[in-house]
N, C-alpha and C. Protein backbone atom coordinates (compact mmCIF):
# COMPACT_ATOMS: atom_id res chain seq x y z
N MET A 1 137.23 131.47 78.20
CA MET A 1 138.36 130.51 78.88
C MET A 1 138.65 129.59 78.77
N PRO A 2 139.81 129.18 78.13
CA PRO A 2 140.41 127.73 77.91
C PRO A 2 140.38 126.76 79.02
N ASP A 3 140.79 125.62 78.54
CA ASP A 3 140.61 124.52 80.30
C ASP A 3 141.84 124.52 80.63
N ILE A 4 142.08 124.05 81.40
CA ILE A 4 143.59 123.60 82.07
C ILE A 4 144.41 122.86 81.61
N THR A 5 143.92 121.92 81.03
CA THR A 5 144.47 121.28 80.58
C THR A 5 145.19 121.90 79.16
N GLU A 6 144.17 122.44 78.20
CA GLU A 6 144.39 123.36 76.91
C GLU A 6 145.90 124.27 77.65
N ILE A 7 145.62 125.02 79.05
CA ILE A 7 146.65 125.83 79.16
C ILE A 7 147.98 125.65 79.48
N VAL A 8 148.04 124.01 80.46
CA VAL A 8 149.66 123.56 80.41
C VAL A 8 150.16 123.19 79.06
N ASP A 9 149.18 122.37 77.86
CA ASP A 9 149.36 121.95 76.90
C ASP A 9 150.12 123.18 76.29
N SER A 10 149.92 124.33 76.43
CA SER A 10 150.48 125.03 75.47
C SER A 10 151.55 125.82 76.12
N TYR A 11 151.75 125.56 77.68
CA TYR A 11 153.05 125.89 78.27
C TYR A 11 153.92 125.25 77.67
N ILE A 12 153.85 123.73 77.82
CA ILE A 12 154.72 123.25 77.47
C ILE A 12 155.56 123.10 75.78
N ALA A 13 154.27 123.48 75.24
CA ALA A 13 154.58 123.49 73.83
C ALA A 13 155.50 124.73 73.66
N ALA A 14 155.40 126.34 74.59
CA ALA A 14 155.78 127.22 74.41
C ALA A 14 157.60 126.95 74.63
N TRP A 15 157.71 125.78 75.51
CA TRP A 15 158.84 125.39 76.32
C TRP A 15 159.63 124.87 74.67
N ASN A 16 159.04 124.07 74.59
CA ASN A 16 159.36 123.00 73.14
C ASN A 16 159.70 123.98 71.60
N GLU A 17 158.93 125.02 71.45
CA GLU A 17 159.23 125.75 70.58
C GLU A 17 160.28 126.40 70.10
N THR A 18 160.87 126.26 69.00
CA THR A 18 162.24 126.94 68.65
C THR A 18 161.95 128.09 67.77
N ASP A 19 161.17 127.85 66.90
CA ASP A 19 160.91 129.38 66.07
C ASP A 19 160.27 130.43 67.05
N PRO A 20 161.08 131.44 66.88
CA PRO A 20 161.08 132.53 67.77
C PRO A 20 159.64 133.11 67.82
N GLN A 21 159.37 133.10 66.62
CA GLN A 21 157.95 134.24 66.15
C GLN A 21 156.61 132.87 66.65
N ARG A 22 156.93 131.15 66.24
CA ARG A 22 155.74 130.72 67.13
C ARG A 22 155.39 130.29 68.26
N ARG A 23 156.75 130.89 68.91
CA ARG A 23 157.03 130.37 70.51
C ARG A 23 156.53 131.47 71.30
N ARG A 24 156.96 132.72 70.63
CA ARG A 24 156.13 134.13 70.91
C ARG A 24 154.94 134.24 71.19
N THR A 25 154.19 133.49 69.88
CA THR A 25 152.68 133.31 69.89
C THR A 25 152.03 132.23 71.09
N LEU A 26 153.06 131.14 71.03
CA LEU A 26 152.62 130.56 72.12
C LEU A 26 152.40 131.18 73.95
N VAL A 27 153.52 132.05 74.24
CA VAL A 27 153.56 132.56 74.93
C VAL A 27 152.56 133.54 75.47
N GLU A 28 152.65 134.15 74.43
CA GLU A 28 151.17 135.55 74.63
C GLU A 28 149.63 134.82 74.70
N ARG A 29 149.89 133.48 74.00
CA ARG A 29 148.53 132.65 74.26
C ARG A 29 148.24 132.41 75.78
N THR A 30 149.81 131.84 76.39
CA THR A 30 149.55 131.26 77.88
C THR A 30 149.88 131.91 78.73
N PHE A 31 150.46 132.79 78.78
CA PHE A 31 150.67 134.01 79.98
C PHE A 31 149.69 135.48 79.87
N SER A 32 149.77 135.52 80.67
CA SER A 32 149.25 136.80 80.66
C SER A 32 149.96 138.33 80.44
N ALA A 33 149.60 138.98 80.62
CA ALA A 33 150.79 140.22 80.08
C ALA A 33 151.78 140.40 80.72
N ASP A 34 150.84 140.48 82.01
CA ASP A 34 152.02 140.80 83.59
C ASP A 34 152.71 140.04 83.75
N ALA A 35 152.08 138.10 83.50
CA ALA A 35 152.87 137.20 84.45
C ALA A 35 154.12 137.02 84.80
N SER A 36 154.57 136.48 85.80
CA SER A 36 155.82 136.38 85.97
C SER A 36 155.89 135.01 86.12
N TYR A 37 157.69 134.26 85.86
CA TYR A 37 158.19 132.91 85.95
C TYR A 37 159.08 132.92 87.00
N LEU A 38 159.62 132.04 87.93
CA LEU A 38 160.56 132.05 88.95
C LEU A 38 160.56 130.28 89.14
N ASP A 39 162.39 130.03 88.90
CA ASP A 39 162.46 128.86 89.54
C ASP A 39 163.96 128.98 89.85
N PRO A 40 164.53 128.27 90.52
CA PRO A 40 166.11 128.57 91.39
C PRO A 40 167.04 128.71 90.08
N LEU A 41 166.66 128.53 88.93
CA LEU A 41 167.99 129.07 88.29
C LEU A 41 167.49 130.61 87.65
N MET A 42 166.37 130.40 86.89
CA MET A 42 166.06 131.92 86.10
C MET A 42 164.53 132.50 86.84
N SER A 43 164.44 133.47 85.51
CA SER A 43 163.30 134.29 86.26
C SER A 43 162.62 134.85 84.64
N GLY A 44 161.65 135.38 84.69
CA GLY A 44 160.92 136.01 83.35
C GLY A 44 160.00 136.83 84.19
N GLN A 45 159.69 137.78 83.90
CA GLN A 45 158.61 139.07 83.59
C GLN A 45 158.12 139.38 82.51
N GLY A 46 156.84 139.34 82.69
CA GLY A 46 155.96 139.61 81.42
C GLY A 46 156.57 138.43 80.02
N VAL A 47 155.55 138.96 78.78
CA VAL A 47 155.85 137.99 77.95
C VAL A 47 156.98 138.30 77.51
N GLU A 48 157.57 139.27 77.02
CA GLU A 48 159.10 139.44 76.36
C GLU A 48 159.77 138.76 77.54
N GLY A 49 159.78 139.07 78.42
CA GLY A 49 160.68 138.45 79.64
C GLY A 49 160.69 136.79 79.81
N ILE A 50 159.75 136.31 79.23
CA ILE A 50 159.59 134.77 79.97
C ILE A 50 159.81 134.23 78.25
N ASP A 51 159.40 134.87 77.49
CA ASP A 51 160.07 134.43 75.85
C ASP A 51 161.44 134.40 75.90
N ALA A 52 162.32 135.42 76.31
CA ALA A 52 163.69 135.38 76.32
C ALA A 52 164.45 134.74 77.25
N MET A 53 163.58 134.05 78.59
CA MET A 53 164.10 133.36 79.41
C MET A 53 164.09 132.06 79.10
N ILE A 54 162.75 131.64 78.30
CA ILE A 54 162.41 129.87 77.50
C ILE A 54 163.83 130.49 76.13
N ALA A 55 164.05 131.09 75.55
CA ALA A 55 165.03 130.88 74.53
C ALA A 55 166.08 131.06 74.86
N THR A 56 166.56 131.20 76.09
CA THR A 56 167.85 130.96 76.77
C THR A 56 168.01 129.83 77.26
N ALA A 57 167.20 128.93 78.25
CA ALA A 57 167.11 127.60 78.13
C ALA A 57 166.78 126.91 77.14
N GLN A 58 166.65 127.06 75.81
CA GLN A 58 166.74 125.79 74.89
C GLN A 58 167.94 125.96 74.34
N GLN A 59 168.91 127.48 74.83
CA GLN A 59 170.28 126.94 73.90
C GLN A 59 171.29 126.56 74.96
N GLN A 60 170.52 126.14 76.22
CA GLN A 60 171.18 125.38 77.58
C GLN A 60 171.20 123.72 76.82
N PHE A 61 169.84 123.64 76.80
CA PHE A 61 169.55 122.16 76.20
C PHE A 61 168.81 121.90 75.12
N PRO A 62 170.06 122.43 74.08
CA PRO A 62 169.32 122.23 72.65
C PRO A 62 168.94 120.56 72.14
N GLY A 63 167.40 120.77 71.61
CA GLY A 63 167.27 119.56 71.07
C GLY A 63 166.75 118.80 72.45
N TYR A 64 166.73 119.28 73.59
CA TYR A 64 165.66 118.40 74.70
C TYR A 64 164.57 118.85 74.59
N PRO A 65 163.30 118.20 74.43
CA PRO A 65 161.89 118.68 74.55
C PRO A 65 161.35 118.18 76.43
N PHE A 66 160.77 119.15 76.71
CA PHE A 66 160.06 119.20 77.97
C PHE A 66 158.62 118.48 77.76
N SER A 67 158.42 117.63 78.47
CA SER A 67 157.07 116.62 78.31
C SER A 67 156.34 117.08 79.75
N LEU A 68 155.41 116.65 79.53
CA LEU A 68 154.39 116.64 80.80
C LEU A 68 154.58 115.26 81.24
N ALA A 69 155.19 115.19 82.76
CA ALA A 69 154.96 114.18 83.57
C ALA A 69 153.75 113.66 84.21
N ALA A 70 153.47 114.33 84.60
CA ALA A 70 152.02 114.50 85.31
C ALA A 70 150.98 115.62 85.66
N GLY A 71 149.51 115.39 85.96
CA GLY A 71 148.75 116.39 85.74
C GLY A 71 148.25 116.60 84.77
N PRO A 72 147.67 117.86 84.69
CA PRO A 72 147.45 119.40 85.57
C PRO A 72 146.36 118.87 86.85
N ASP A 73 146.68 119.52 88.05
CA ASP A 73 145.80 119.21 89.31
C ASP A 73 145.55 120.91 89.74
N ALA A 74 144.10 121.13 89.68
CA ALA A 74 143.61 122.02 89.75
C ALA A 74 142.90 122.51 90.54
N HIS A 75 142.75 123.58 91.07
CA HIS A 75 141.09 123.91 92.01
C HIS A 75 141.23 125.27 92.12
N HIS A 76 140.36 126.10 91.62
CA HIS A 76 139.93 127.41 92.10
C HIS A 76 140.95 128.16 90.79
N ASP A 77 141.52 129.36 91.46
CA ASP A 77 142.79 129.80 90.48
C ASP A 77 144.17 129.25 90.70
N ARG A 78 144.83 128.12 90.85
CA ARG A 78 146.04 127.54 91.29
C ARG A 78 145.29 126.04 90.31
N VAL A 79 146.82 125.90 90.07
CA VAL A 79 147.36 124.24 89.02
C VAL A 79 148.59 124.09 89.51
N ARG A 80 148.91 122.99 89.75
CA ARG A 80 150.15 122.41 89.51
C ARG A 80 150.60 121.11 88.71
N PHE A 81 151.39 120.52 88.05
CA PHE A 81 152.12 120.09 87.35
C PHE A 81 153.70 119.73 86.99
N SER A 82 153.43 118.40 86.76
CA SER A 82 155.40 118.49 86.89
C SER A 82 155.40 117.87 85.58
N TRP A 83 156.92 118.11 85.06
CA TRP A 83 157.42 117.26 83.76
C TRP A 83 158.83 116.98 83.81
N SER A 84 159.31 116.61 82.60
CA SER A 84 160.90 116.34 82.31
C SER A 84 161.23 116.45 81.19
N LEU A 85 162.92 116.66 81.55
CA LEU A 85 163.22 117.47 80.21
C LEU A 85 164.33 115.94 79.58
N ALA A 86 164.19 115.68 78.79
CA ALA A 86 164.77 114.14 78.34
C ALA A 86 164.97 113.90 76.78
N LEU A 87 165.74 113.04 76.23
CA LEU A 87 166.31 112.99 74.71
C LEU A 87 165.24 112.03 74.67
N ASP A 88 164.58 111.62 73.36
CA ASP A 88 163.69 110.72 72.95
C ASP A 88 163.60 109.62 74.16
N GLY A 89 163.08 109.41 75.20
CA GLY A 89 163.06 108.55 75.79
C GLY A 89 164.35 107.73 77.31
N GLY A 90 165.00 108.81 76.76
CA GLY A 90 166.50 108.77 77.72
C GLY A 90 166.33 109.27 79.27
N GLU A 91 167.11 108.85 79.67
CA GLU A 91 167.08 109.63 81.15
C GLU A 91 166.95 110.90 81.27
N PRO A 92 165.83 111.53 81.93
CA PRO A 92 165.62 113.30 82.25
C PRO A 92 166.94 113.92 82.70
N VAL A 93 167.25 115.03 81.97
CA VAL A 93 168.47 115.72 82.60
C VAL A 93 167.65 116.45 83.50
N ALA A 94 166.21 116.80 83.71
CA ALA A 94 166.21 117.50 84.50
C ALA A 94 164.16 117.40 84.68
N ARG A 95 163.58 117.35 85.98
CA ARG A 95 162.25 117.29 86.34
C ARG A 95 162.40 118.42 87.12
N GLY A 96 160.87 118.63 87.30
CA GLY A 96 160.72 119.72 88.13
C GLY A 96 158.97 119.61 88.43
N LEU A 97 158.78 120.68 89.40
CA LEU A 97 157.28 120.76 89.97
C LEU A 97 157.08 122.45 89.65
N ASP A 98 155.80 122.57 88.93
CA ASP A 98 155.61 123.81 88.46
C ASP A 98 154.01 124.10 89.20
N PHE A 99 154.18 125.01 90.07
CA PHE A 99 152.58 125.70 90.67
C PHE A 99 152.29 127.28 90.07
N ALA A 100 151.07 127.42 89.76
CA ALA A 100 151.04 128.55 88.59
C ALA A 100 149.54 129.25 89.66
N LEU A 101 149.21 130.21 89.41
CA LEU A 101 148.11 131.05 89.47
C LEU A 101 147.39 131.45 88.35
N ILE A 102 145.97 131.25 87.86
CA ILE A 102 145.51 131.48 86.69
C ILE A 102 144.83 132.76 86.78
N ALA A 103 145.15 133.79 85.78
CA ALA A 103 144.50 135.10 85.77
C ALA A 103 143.01 134.72 85.33
N GLU A 104 142.09 135.78 85.42
CA GLU A 104 140.66 135.89 85.32
C GLU A 104 140.27 135.28 83.80
N ASP A 105 141.24 135.77 82.74
CA ASP A 105 141.16 135.61 81.73
C ASP A 105 141.62 133.80 81.08
N GLY A 106 142.21 133.18 82.11
CA GLY A 106 142.27 131.63 81.74
C GLY A 106 143.80 131.44 81.44
N ARG A 107 144.73 132.66 81.42
CA ARG A 107 145.97 132.29 81.04
C ARG A 107 146.78 132.27 82.38
N LEU A 108 148.08 132.05 82.35
CA LEU A 108 149.00 131.66 83.44
C LEU A 108 149.44 133.48 83.75
N ARG A 109 149.10 133.82 84.87
CA ARG A 109 149.92 134.57 85.88
C ARG A 109 150.45 135.19 86.42
N ALA A 110 151.05 133.61 86.72
CA ALA A 110 152.75 133.69 88.32
C ALA A 110 152.90 131.83 88.23
N VAL A 111 154.17 131.72 87.67
CA VAL A 111 154.17 130.10 87.85
C VAL A 111 155.50 130.46 88.37
N THR A 112 155.55 129.33 89.53
CA THR A 112 157.12 129.07 90.25
C THR A 112 157.41 127.63 90.40
N GLY A 113 158.25 127.79 89.92
CA GLY A 113 159.23 126.03 89.59
C GLY A 113 159.74 125.28 90.25
N PHE A 114 159.91 124.18 90.52
CA PHE A 114 160.47 123.73 91.59
C PHE A 114 161.22 122.37 90.81
N LEU A 115 162.80 122.11 91.00
CA LEU A 115 163.83 121.56 90.40
C LEU A 115 163.73 120.43 91.53
N GLU A 116 163.67 118.83 90.71
CA GLU A 116 163.76 117.83 91.75
C GLU A 116 165.11 117.32 92.14
N GLY A 117 165.20 117.36 92.96
CA GLY A 117 167.18 117.08 93.48
C GLY A 117 167.55 118.37 93.54
N GLN A 118 167.03 119.56 93.72
CA GLN A 118 167.88 120.83 93.70
C GLN A 118 167.95 121.00 95.38
């Protein structure tokens, strides 16, 4: 089972990967087949739905990379971490805090995102 830092790093990498095949590979490595993602603006179900959701977010914010702002902080099958979305050290256009449940195989089973300031 991957350690939680590796899986959160893979999660951030999936959000940043613009090549569709490499992104899909990262999503499959990061999320269980039946995973779900939900935040105030979007949702995705399963690997295919989460991959499509990430592609949509990338179209809305082209060139804006996600970065880990704090964490991960984990216990049992729970993890939380915060992130930001900004260009080259500029002011973030978005910040958030994600909570996730970890599947038995170590991948993310469910992610709930909260946007700061929303």
